[in-house]
Amino acid sequence: MERRFVIEAVMIAIYGQLLLPKRPVEYRIPYSTVMELYDMKDSDEPVMPDPDDDRHVRGKIGEMIAYFEDPFNKKKLERSLLAPWRESPPLPINDKVTLVVVNAAENMQYGELLDPIETEIVLTSLRAQSPILTDHIEFQDKVVQNAIPVQVFDIDDYEFAVEESPAPTEFNP
């Protein structure tokens, strides 16, 4: 059975192990996080503290942008942008990893608790009934402290998360 996670696009560029899972994985990515890749690529701010790591990750970000801009993938992505909450058809990365881009719509449901991207990630998780995979400790703390009804895994626990049986989450639209 395929394991699903909601994740930011940049996490896939930073953490190469996410592309080498032991079992099939589908990553649901809010479209706004795909757009963040362009900002990160062109920014003077370092993505990673170590200059060599920063160059490597920027190269991976460039590869991800090229992947999304490939005419075949771009056409699939454009379909997801036709309506809020529409999903792209699956975009295969390899035989075990598939990406689905979600045209998430931030609706201020979590207002002052979360920033707009965090809200999109939470709402995507609720809609997809899939856990979130992140390395943002502050975001994880906000989810726990505010009893937001989603399951969150730290990237350091990725192997465990892939093996863990999915826990259902409730969503009442």
N, C-alpha and C. Protein backbone atom coordinates (compact mmCIF):
# COMPACT_ATOMS: atom_id res chain seq x y z
N MET A 1 0.82 -1.17 0.00
CA MET A 1 0.00 0.00 0.00
C MET A 1 0.88 1.25 0.00
N GLU A 2 0.50 2.22 -0.82
CA GLU A 2 1.23 3.46 -0.92
C GLU A 2 1.01 4.32 0.32
N ARG A 3 2.05 4.95 0.80
CA ARG A 3 1.98 5.83 1.96
C ARG A 3 1.93 7.26 1.45
N ARG A 4 1.05 8.08 2.00
CA ARG A 4 0.89 9.47 1.58
C ARG A 4 1.36 10.42 2.66
N PHE A 5 1.98 11.52 2.21
CA PHE A 5 2.38 12.59 3.12
C PHE A 5 2.11 13.92 2.47
N VAL A 6 1.85 14.93 3.28
CA VAL A 6 1.79 16.31 2.82
C VAL A 6 3.13 16.93 3.19
N ILE A 7 3.72 17.64 2.22
CA ILE A 7 5.07 18.15 2.43
C ILE A 7 5.29 19.39 1.57
N GLU A 8 6.23 20.23 1.97
CA GLU A 8 6.63 21.38 1.17
C GLU A 8 7.60 20.90 0.08
N ALA A 9 7.53 21.50 -1.08
CA ALA A 9 8.38 21.09 -2.20
C ALA A 9 9.86 21.16 -1.85
N VAL A 10 10.29 22.19 -1.13
CA VAL A 10 11.71 22.35 -0.83
C VAL A 10 12.25 21.20 0.03
N MET A 11 11.40 20.59 0.84
CA MET A 11 11.86 19.47 1.67
C MET A 11 12.37 18.32 0.81
N ILE A 12 11.74 18.12 -0.34
CA ILE A 12 12.15 17.04 -1.23
C ILE A 12 13.52 17.37 -1.83
N ALA A 13 13.79 18.65 -2.09
CA ALA A 13 15.09 19.06 -2.61
C ALA A 13 16.18 18.94 -1.54
N ILE A 14 15.84 19.26 -0.30
CA ILE A 14 16.83 19.25 0.78
C ILE A 14 17.15 17.83 1.24
N TYR A 15 16.14 16.99 1.36
CA TYR A 15 16.32 15.66 1.94
C TYR A 15 16.22 14.59 0.86
N GLY A 16 17.36 14.21 0.31
CA GLY A 16 17.42 13.22 -0.76
C GLY A 16 16.82 11.87 -0.40
N GLN A 17 16.85 11.49 0.88
CA GLN A 17 16.31 10.19 1.29
C GLN A 17 14.81 10.09 1.03
N LEU A 18 14.14 11.24 0.88
CA LEU A 18 12.71 11.21 0.61
C LEU A 18 12.40 10.62 -0.76
N LEU A 19 13.41 10.57 -1.63
CA LEU A 19 13.23 10.00 -2.96
C LEU A 19 13.61 8.53 -3.01
N LEU A 20 14.03 7.98 -1.87
CA LEU A 20 14.46 6.57 -1.82
C LEU A 20 13.76 5.79 -0.71
N PRO A 21 12.42 5.83 -0.68
CA PRO A 21 11.71 5.11 0.39
C PRO A 21 11.74 3.61 0.18
N LYS A 22 11.46 2.88 1.26
CA LYS A 22 11.44 1.41 1.18
C LYS A 22 10.16 0.89 0.57
N ARG A 23 9.13 1.73 0.55
CA ARG A 23 7.86 1.34 -0.06
C ARG A 23 7.30 2.53 -0.82
N PRO A 24 6.31 2.33 -1.68
CA PRO A 24 5.78 3.45 -2.47
C PRO A 24 5.24 4.57 -1.61
N VAL A 25 5.55 5.81 -2.01
CA VAL A 25 5.15 7.00 -1.29
C VAL A 25 4.60 8.02 -2.28
N GLU A 26 3.54 8.69 -1.85
CA GLU A 26 2.99 9.80 -2.62
C GLU A 26 3.10 11.05 -1.75
N TYR A 27 3.70 12.09 -2.33
CA TYR A 27 3.81 13.36 -1.62
C TYR A 27 2.80 14.33 -2.20
N ARG A 28 1.95 14.89 -1.33
CA ARG A 28 1.00 15.93 -1.72
C ARG A 28 1.65 17.26 -1.38
N ILE A 29 1.79 18.10 -2.38
CA ILE A 29 2.53 19.35 -2.25
C ILE A 29 1.63 20.53 -2.57
N PRO A 30 1.38 21.43 -1.62
CA PRO A 30 0.64 22.64 -1.95
C PRO A 30 1.38 23.43 -3.03
N TYR A 31 0.64 23.90 -4.02
CA TYR A 31 1.24 24.63 -5.14
C TYR A 31 2.06 25.83 -4.68
N SER A 32 1.62 26.52 -3.65
CA SER A 32 2.36 27.70 -3.17
C SER A 32 3.79 27.33 -2.77
N THR A 33 4.01 26.08 -2.32
CA THR A 33 5.37 25.69 -1.95
C THR A 33 6.22 25.40 -3.19
N VAL A 34 5.57 25.05 -4.29
CA VAL A 34 6.30 24.91 -5.57
C VAL A 34 6.78 26.30 -5.99
N MET A 35 5.91 27.29 -5.85
CA MET A 35 6.28 28.66 -6.22
C MET A 35 7.41 29.21 -5.33
N GLU A 36 7.47 28.74 -4.09
CA GLU A 36 8.56 29.16 -3.20
C GLU A 36 9.93 28.72 -3.73
N LEU A 37 9.98 27.65 -4.50
CA LEU A 37 11.25 27.18 -5.05
C LEU A 37 11.91 28.27 -5.88
N TYR A 38 11.11 29.00 -6.66
CA TYR A 38 11.65 30.08 -7.50
C TYR A 38 12.24 31.18 -6.63
N ASP A 39 11.55 31.53 -5.55
CA ASP A 39 12.05 32.56 -4.64
C ASP A 39 13.37 32.12 -4.01
N MET A 40 13.44 30.87 -3.59
CA MET A 40 14.65 30.36 -2.93
C MET A 40 15.82 30.31 -3.90
N LYS A 41 15.54 29.88 -5.11
CA LYS A 41 16.60 29.76 -6.12
C LYS A 41 17.22 31.12 -6.42
N ASP A 42 16.39 32.16 -6.50
CA ASP A 42 16.87 33.49 -6.87
C ASP A 42 17.30 34.36 -5.69
N SER A 43 17.05 33.92 -4.48
CA SER A 43 17.35 34.71 -3.29
C SER A 43 18.84 34.69 -2.96
N ASP A 44 19.29 35.79 -2.38
CA ASP A 44 20.67 35.86 -1.88
C ASP A 44 20.80 35.22 -0.50
N GLU A 45 19.66 35.00 0.16
CA GLU A 45 19.66 34.37 1.49
C GLU A 45 20.06 32.90 1.34
N PRO A 46 20.95 32.41 2.19
CA PRO A 46 21.31 30.99 2.09
C PRO A 46 20.14 30.08 2.48
N VAL A 47 20.01 28.98 1.74
CA VAL A 47 19.00 27.97 2.06
C VAL A 47 19.56 27.07 3.17
N MET A 48 20.85 26.82 3.10
CA MET A 48 21.54 25.98 4.07
C MET A 48 22.70 26.78 4.65
N PRO A 49 23.07 26.52 5.94
CA PRO A 49 24.13 27.31 6.56
C PRO A 49 25.52 27.06 5.95
N ASP A 50 25.81 25.84 5.54
CA ASP A 50 27.11 25.50 4.97
C ASP A 50 27.11 25.87 3.47
N PRO A 51 28.12 26.62 3.00
CA PRO A 51 28.13 27.04 1.59
C PRO A 51 28.09 25.87 0.59
N ASP A 52 28.80 24.79 0.88
CA ASP A 52 28.76 23.63 -0.03
C ASP A 52 27.37 23.00 -0.06
N ASP A 53 26.77 22.85 1.12
CA ASP A 53 25.40 22.31 1.19
C ASP A 53 24.42 23.24 0.48
N ASP A 54 24.62 24.55 0.65
CA ASP A 54 23.74 25.52 0.02
C ASP A 54 23.81 25.39 -1.50
N ARG A 55 25.02 25.28 -2.06
CA ARG A 55 25.17 25.11 -3.51
C ARG A 55 24.49 23.83 -3.98
N HIS A 56 24.68 22.76 -3.21
CA HIS A 56 24.07 21.47 -3.58
C HIS A 56 22.54 21.57 -3.57
N VAL A 57 21.98 22.13 -2.51
CA VAL A 57 20.52 22.24 -2.39
C VAL A 57 19.97 23.17 -3.47
N ARG A 58 20.66 24.26 -3.76
CA ARG A 58 20.20 25.16 -4.83
C ARG A 58 20.20 24.42 -6.17
N GLY A 59 21.18 23.55 -6.37
CA GLY A 59 21.19 22.72 -7.59
C GLY A 59 19.98 21.80 -7.64
N LYS A 60 19.65 21.19 -6.50
CA LYS A 60 18.47 20.31 -6.42
C LYS A 60 17.18 21.11 -6.61
N ILE A 61 17.13 22.32 -6.07
CA ILE A 61 15.97 23.18 -6.28
C ILE A 61 15.82 23.48 -7.77
N GLY A 62 16.94 23.77 -8.43
CA GLY A 62 16.93 24.01 -9.88
C GLY A 62 16.42 22.79 -10.64
N GLU A 63 16.84 21.58 -10.20
CA GLU A 63 16.37 20.34 -10.83
C GLU A 63 14.86 20.17 -10.63
N MET A 64 14.37 20.50 -9.43
CA MET A 64 12.92 20.39 -9.18
C MET A 64 12.15 21.37 -10.05
N ILE A 65 12.65 22.58 -10.17
CA ILE A 65 11.99 23.57 -11.02
C ILE A 65 11.95 23.07 -12.46
N ALA A 66 13.07 22.54 -12.94
CA ALA A 66 13.12 22.01 -14.31
C ALA A 66 12.13 20.86 -14.47
N TYR A 67 12.00 20.02 -13.44
CA TYR A 67 11.04 18.91 -13.48
C TYR A 67 9.61 19.44 -13.62
N PHE A 68 9.26 20.43 -12.82
CA PHE A 68 7.91 21.00 -12.89
C PHE A 68 7.68 21.77 -14.18
N GLU A 69 8.75 22.31 -14.78
CA GLU A 69 8.61 23.06 -16.02
C GLU A 69 8.66 22.18 -17.27
N ASP A 70 9.03 20.91 -17.12
CA ASP A 70 8.99 19.99 -18.25
C ASP A 70 7.59 20.08 -18.87
N PRO A 71 7.48 20.21 -20.19
CA PRO A 71 6.16 20.44 -20.81
C PRO A 71 5.09 19.43 -20.39
N PHE A 72 5.44 18.17 -20.27
CA PHE A 72 4.47 17.15 -19.87
C PHE A 72 3.98 17.39 -18.45
N ASN A 73 4.90 17.65 -17.53
CA ASN A 73 4.53 17.91 -16.14
C ASN A 73 3.84 19.25 -15.98
N LYS A 74 4.30 20.26 -16.72
CA LYS A 74 3.70 21.59 -16.64
C LYS A 74 2.22 21.53 -17.04
N LYS A 75 1.93 20.76 -18.07
CA LYS A 75 0.54 20.62 -18.51
C LYS A 75 -0.31 19.99 -17.41
N LYS A 76 0.23 18.98 -16.73
CA LYS A 76 -0.49 18.36 -15.62
C LYS A 76 -0.69 19.35 -14.48
N LEU A 77 0.35 20.12 -14.19
CA LEU A 77 0.26 21.12 -13.11
C LEU A 77 -0.80 22.17 -13.42
N GLU A 78 -0.83 22.62 -14.64
CA GLU A 78 -1.79 23.67 -15.02
C GLU A 78 -3.22 23.22 -14.81
N ARG A 79 -3.48 21.93 -14.97
CA ARG A 79 -4.84 21.41 -14.72
C ARG A 79 -5.25 21.61 -13.27
N SER A 80 -4.29 21.48 -12.36
CA SER A 80 -4.62 21.62 -10.94
C SER A 80 -4.93 23.06 -10.56
N LEU A 81 -4.53 24.00 -11.39
CA LEU A 81 -4.70 25.42 -11.06
C LEU A 81 -6.05 25.97 -11.52
N LEU A 82 -6.88 25.13 -12.10
CA LEU A 82 -8.16 25.60 -12.62
C LEU A 82 -9.19 25.88 -11.54
N ALA A 83 -9.03 25.28 -10.38
CA ALA A 83 -10.00 25.48 -9.29
C ALA A 83 -9.32 25.23 -7.95
N PRO A 84 -9.81 25.90 -6.89
CA PRO A 84 -9.26 25.63 -5.56
C PRO A 84 -9.43 24.15 -5.19
N TRP A 85 -8.43 23.63 -4.58
CA TRP A 85 -8.37 22.26 -4.07
C TRP A 85 -8.31 21.19 -5.16
N ARG A 86 -8.12 21.62 -6.36
CA ARG A 86 -7.94 20.65 -7.43
C ARG A 86 -6.52 20.10 -7.34
N GLU A 87 -6.38 18.82 -7.68
CA GLU A 87 -5.07 18.15 -7.61
C GLU A 87 -4.58 17.84 -9.02
N SER A 88 -3.26 17.88 -9.15
CA SER A 88 -2.67 17.49 -10.43
C SER A 88 -2.77 15.97 -10.56
N PRO A 89 -2.73 15.47 -11.79
CA PRO A 89 -2.58 14.02 -11.93
C PRO A 89 -1.22 13.64 -11.31
N PRO A 90 -1.03 12.39 -10.95
CA PRO A 90 0.25 11.97 -10.35
C PRO A 90 1.44 12.28 -11.27
N LEU A 91 2.49 12.79 -10.66
CA LEU A 91 3.74 13.08 -11.36
C LEU A 91 4.80 12.11 -10.83
N PRO A 92 5.10 11.05 -11.56
CA PRO A 92 6.07 10.07 -11.05
C PRO A 92 7.50 10.61 -11.07
N ILE A 93 8.20 10.37 -9.97
CA ILE A 93 9.62 10.74 -9.86
C ILE A 93 10.47 9.50 -10.17
N ASN A 94 10.09 8.39 -9.57
CA ASN A 94 10.74 7.10 -9.83
C ASN A 94 9.70 6.01 -9.56
N ASP A 95 10.13 4.76 -9.49
CA ASP A 95 9.15 3.68 -9.32
C ASP A 95 8.50 3.64 -7.94
N LYS A 96 9.02 4.40 -6.98
CA LYS A 96 8.43 4.40 -5.63
C LYS A 96 7.93 5.76 -5.16
N VAL A 97 8.18 6.82 -5.92
CA VAL A 97 7.80 8.16 -5.47
C VAL A 97 6.96 8.86 -6.54
N THR A 98 5.82 9.37 -6.07
CA THR A 98 4.91 10.14 -6.92
C THR A 98 4.59 11.46 -6.23
N LEU A 99 4.52 12.53 -7.01
CA LEU A 99 4.12 13.83 -6.49
C LEU A 99 2.71 14.15 -6.98
N VAL A 100 1.91 14.77 -6.13
CA VAL A 100 0.62 15.31 -6.51
C VAL A 100 0.61 16.75 -6.00
N VAL A 101 0.46 17.69 -6.91
CA VAL A 101 0.44 19.10 -6.53
C VAL A 101 -1.02 19.50 -6.30
N VAL A 102 -1.25 20.15 -5.18
CA VAL A 102 -2.60 20.54 -4.77
C VAL A 102 -2.72 22.06 -4.82
N ASN A 103 -3.75 22.53 -5.48
CA ASN A 103 -4.01 23.97 -5.53
C ASN A 103 -4.73 24.36 -4.23
N ALA A 104 -3.98 24.31 -3.15
CA ALA A 104 -4.53 24.57 -1.81
C ALA A 104 -4.98 26.02 -1.71
N ALA A 105 -6.03 26.23 -0.93
CA ALA A 105 -6.57 27.57 -0.74
C ALA A 105 -6.56 27.91 0.75
N GLU A 106 -5.67 28.81 1.14
CA GLU A 106 -5.57 29.24 2.53
C GLU A 106 -6.81 30.07 2.84
N ASN A 107 -7.51 29.72 3.92
CA ASN A 107 -8.78 30.38 4.20
C ASN A 107 -8.84 31.06 5.57
N MET A 108 -7.69 31.30 6.17
CA MET A 108 -7.61 31.95 7.48
C MET A 108 -8.27 31.15 8.60
N GLN A 109 -8.54 29.88 8.33
CA GLN A 109 -9.17 29.05 9.36
C GLN A 109 -8.33 29.01 10.64
N TYR A 110 -7.02 29.05 10.48
CA TYR A 110 -6.15 29.01 11.65
C TYR A 110 -5.56 30.39 11.94
N GLY A 111 -6.09 31.42 11.26
CA GLY A 111 -5.80 32.82 11.52
C GLY A 111 -4.44 33.15 12.06
N GLU A 112 -4.40 33.53 13.31
CA GLU A 112 -3.16 33.99 13.93
C GLU A 112 -2.27 32.84 14.39
N LEU A 113 -2.77 31.62 14.37
CA LEU A 113 -1.98 30.49 14.85
C LEU A 113 -0.87 30.09 13.88
N LEU A 114 -1.19 30.13 12.58
CA LEU A 114 -0.28 29.63 11.56
C LEU A 114 -0.11 30.66 10.45
N ASP A 115 1.05 30.61 9.77
CA ASP A 115 1.21 31.46 8.60
C ASP A 115 0.45 30.84 7.42
N PRO A 116 0.27 31.56 6.31
CA PRO A 116 -0.54 31.03 5.21
C PRO A 116 -0.06 29.69 4.64
N ILE A 117 1.25 29.50 4.52
CA ILE A 117 1.75 28.22 3.99
C ILE A 117 1.47 27.10 4.99
N GLU A 118 1.71 27.35 6.27
CA GLU A 118 1.40 26.33 7.29
C GLU A 118 -0.08 25.97 7.26
N THR A 119 -0.92 26.98 7.08
CA THR A 119 -2.37 26.73 7.00
C THR A 119 -2.68 25.85 5.80
N GLU A 120 -2.07 26.14 4.65
CA GLU A 120 -2.31 25.31 3.46
C GLU A 120 -1.85 23.88 3.70
N ILE A 121 -0.74 23.71 4.38
CA ILE A 121 -0.24 22.36 4.67
C ILE A 121 -1.23 21.63 5.57
N VAL A 122 -1.71 22.28 6.62
CA VAL A 122 -2.67 21.67 7.53
C VAL A 122 -3.96 21.32 6.80
N LEU A 123 -4.49 22.27 6.03
CA LEU A 123 -5.75 22.01 5.33
C LEU A 123 -5.60 20.91 4.28
N THR A 124 -4.45 20.86 3.62
CA THR A 124 -4.19 19.77 2.66
C THR A 124 -4.14 18.44 3.39
N SER A 125 -3.50 18.42 4.55
CA SER A 125 -3.43 17.21 5.36
C SER A 125 -4.83 16.73 5.76
N LEU A 126 -5.65 17.67 6.19
CA LEU A 126 -7.01 17.31 6.59
C LEU A 126 -7.82 16.78 5.41
N ARG A 127 -7.73 17.45 4.28
CA ARG A 127 -8.49 17.02 3.09
C ARG A 127 -8.01 15.67 2.58
N ALA A 128 -6.70 15.46 2.57
CA ALA A 128 -6.14 14.22 2.05
C ALA A 128 -6.12 13.11 3.09
N GLN A 129 -6.44 13.46 4.33
CA GLN A 129 -6.35 12.53 5.45
C GLN A 129 -4.98 11.85 5.46
N SER A 130 -3.95 12.70 5.36
CA SER A 130 -2.57 12.23 5.29
C SER A 130 -1.72 13.01 6.28
N PRO A 131 -0.72 12.36 6.87
CA PRO A 131 0.16 13.06 7.81
C PRO A 131 1.07 14.07 7.09
N ILE A 132 1.57 14.98 7.88
CA ILE A 132 2.50 16.00 7.40
C ILE A 132 3.92 15.55 7.73
N LEU A 133 4.82 15.80 6.80
CA LEU A 133 6.24 15.52 6.99
C LEU A 133 6.97 16.85 6.92
N THR A 134 7.70 17.22 7.99
CA THR A 134 8.36 18.53 8.04
C THR A 134 9.61 18.48 8.90
N ASP A 135 10.44 19.50 8.73
CA ASP A 135 11.60 19.66 9.62
C ASP A 135 11.46 20.92 10.47
N HIS A 136 10.31 21.60 10.37
CA HIS A 136 10.08 22.84 11.12
C HIS A 136 9.56 22.53 12.52
N ILE A 137 10.46 22.61 13.49
CA ILE A 137 10.12 22.32 14.88
C ILE A 137 9.04 23.28 15.39
N GLU A 138 9.17 24.57 15.04
CA GLU A 138 8.19 25.55 15.51
C GLU A 138 6.79 25.21 15.01
N PHE A 139 6.70 24.78 13.75
CA PHE A 139 5.41 24.39 13.18
C PHE A 139 4.86 23.17 13.91
N GLN A 140 5.72 22.19 14.17
CA GLN A 140 5.28 21.00 14.91
C GLN A 140 4.76 21.40 16.29
N ASP A 141 5.46 22.31 16.95
CA ASP A 141 5.03 22.78 18.27
C ASP A 141 3.66 23.47 18.20
N LYS A 142 3.46 24.30 17.18
CA LYS A 142 2.17 24.99 17.03
C LYS A 142 1.03 23.98 16.85
N VAL A 143 1.27 22.94 16.06
CA VAL A 143 0.24 21.92 15.83
C VAL A 143 -0.13 21.25 17.14
N VAL A 144 0.87 20.88 17.94
CA VAL A 144 0.62 20.20 19.21
C VAL A 144 -0.03 21.15 20.21
N GLN A 145 0.55 22.33 20.39
CA GLN A 145 0.04 23.28 21.39
C GLN A 145 -1.39 23.73 21.12
N ASN A 146 -1.77 23.76 19.84
CA ASN A 146 -3.12 24.23 19.49
C ASN A 146 -4.07 23.08 19.16
N ALA A 147 -3.64 21.85 19.44
CA ALA A 147 -4.46 20.66 19.23
C ALA A 147 -5.08 20.62 17.82
N ILE A 148 -4.28 20.96 16.83
CA ILE A 148 -4.74 20.89 15.45
C ILE A 148 -4.81 19.41 15.08
N PRO A 149 -5.95 18.96 14.55
CA PRO A 149 -6.18 17.52 14.37
C PRO A 149 -5.50 16.89 13.15
N VAL A 150 -4.17 17.02 13.09
CA VAL A 150 -3.39 16.38 12.04
C VAL A 150 -2.24 15.60 12.67
N GLN A 151 -1.74 14.65 11.92
CA GLN A 151 -0.59 13.88 12.36
C GLN A 151 0.65 14.50 11.71
N VAL A 152 1.70 14.75 12.50
CA VAL A 152 2.92 15.36 11.99
C VAL A 152 4.10 14.48 12.33
N PHE A 153 4.96 14.25 11.33
CA PHE A 153 6.20 13.52 11.55
C PHE A 153 7.36 14.44 11.24
N ASP A 154 8.39 14.37 12.08
CA ASP A 154 9.63 15.08 11.82
C ASP A 154 10.37 14.31 10.73
N ILE A 155 11.07 15.01 9.87
CA ILE A 155 11.83 14.37 8.79
C ILE A 155 12.83 13.36 9.37
N ASP A 156 13.36 13.63 10.57
CA ASP A 156 14.29 12.68 11.19
C ASP A 156 13.63 11.33 11.46
N ASP A 157 12.31 11.31 11.54
CA ASP A 157 11.56 10.07 11.78
C ASP A 157 10.95 9.51 10.49
N TYR A 158 11.52 9.88 9.35
CA TYR A 158 10.97 9.52 8.05
C TYR A 158 10.79 8.00 7.88
N GLU A 159 11.81 7.25 8.19
CA GLU A 159 11.71 5.78 7.99
C GLU A 159 10.58 5.20 8.83
N PHE A 160 10.46 5.65 10.07
CA PHE A 160 9.35 5.21 10.93
C PHE A 160 8.01 5.62 10.33
N ALA A 161 7.93 6.86 9.85
CA ALA A 161 6.68 7.37 9.28
C ALA A 161 6.24 6.56 8.06
N VAL A 162 7.18 6.17 7.24
CA VAL A 162 6.85 5.38 6.05
C VAL A 162 6.31 4.01 6.45
N GLU A 163 6.85 3.44 7.50
CA GLU A 163 6.43 2.11 7.94
C GLU A 163 5.17 2.13 8.79
N GLU A 164 4.92 3.26 9.45
CA GLU A 164 3.76 3.40 10.33
C GLU A 164 2.48 3.23 9.52
N SER A 165 1.51 2.52 10.08
CA SER A 165 0.22 2.40 9.38
C SER A 165 -0.51 3.73 9.47
N PRO A 166 -1.18 4.13 8.41
CA PRO A 166 -1.83 5.44 8.42
C PRO A 166 -2.91 5.55 9.50
N ALA A 167 -2.89 6.67 10.19
CA ALA A 167 -3.95 6.93 11.19
C ALA A 167 -4.97 7.85 10.55
N PRO A 168 -6.23 7.49 10.62
CA PRO A 168 -7.23 8.36 9.98
C PRO A 168 -7.35 9.69 10.73
N THR A 169 -7.62 10.72 9.98
CA THR A 169 -7.91 12.02 10.58
C THR A 169 -9.33 12.39 10.17
N GLU A 170 -9.95 13.20 10.99
CA GLU A 170 -11.31 13.60 10.68
C GLU A 170 -11.31 14.91 9.94
N PHE A 171 -12.19 15.02 8.97
CA PHE A 171 -12.36 16.27 8.25
C PHE A 171 -13.83 16.44 7.95
N ASN A 172 -14.37 17.54 8.38
CA ASN A 172 -15.78 17.86 8.12
C ASN A 172 -15.82 19.14 7.31
N PRO A 173 -15.99 19.01 5.97
CA PRO A 173 -15.95 20.21 5.13
C PRO A 173 -17.09 21.17 5.43
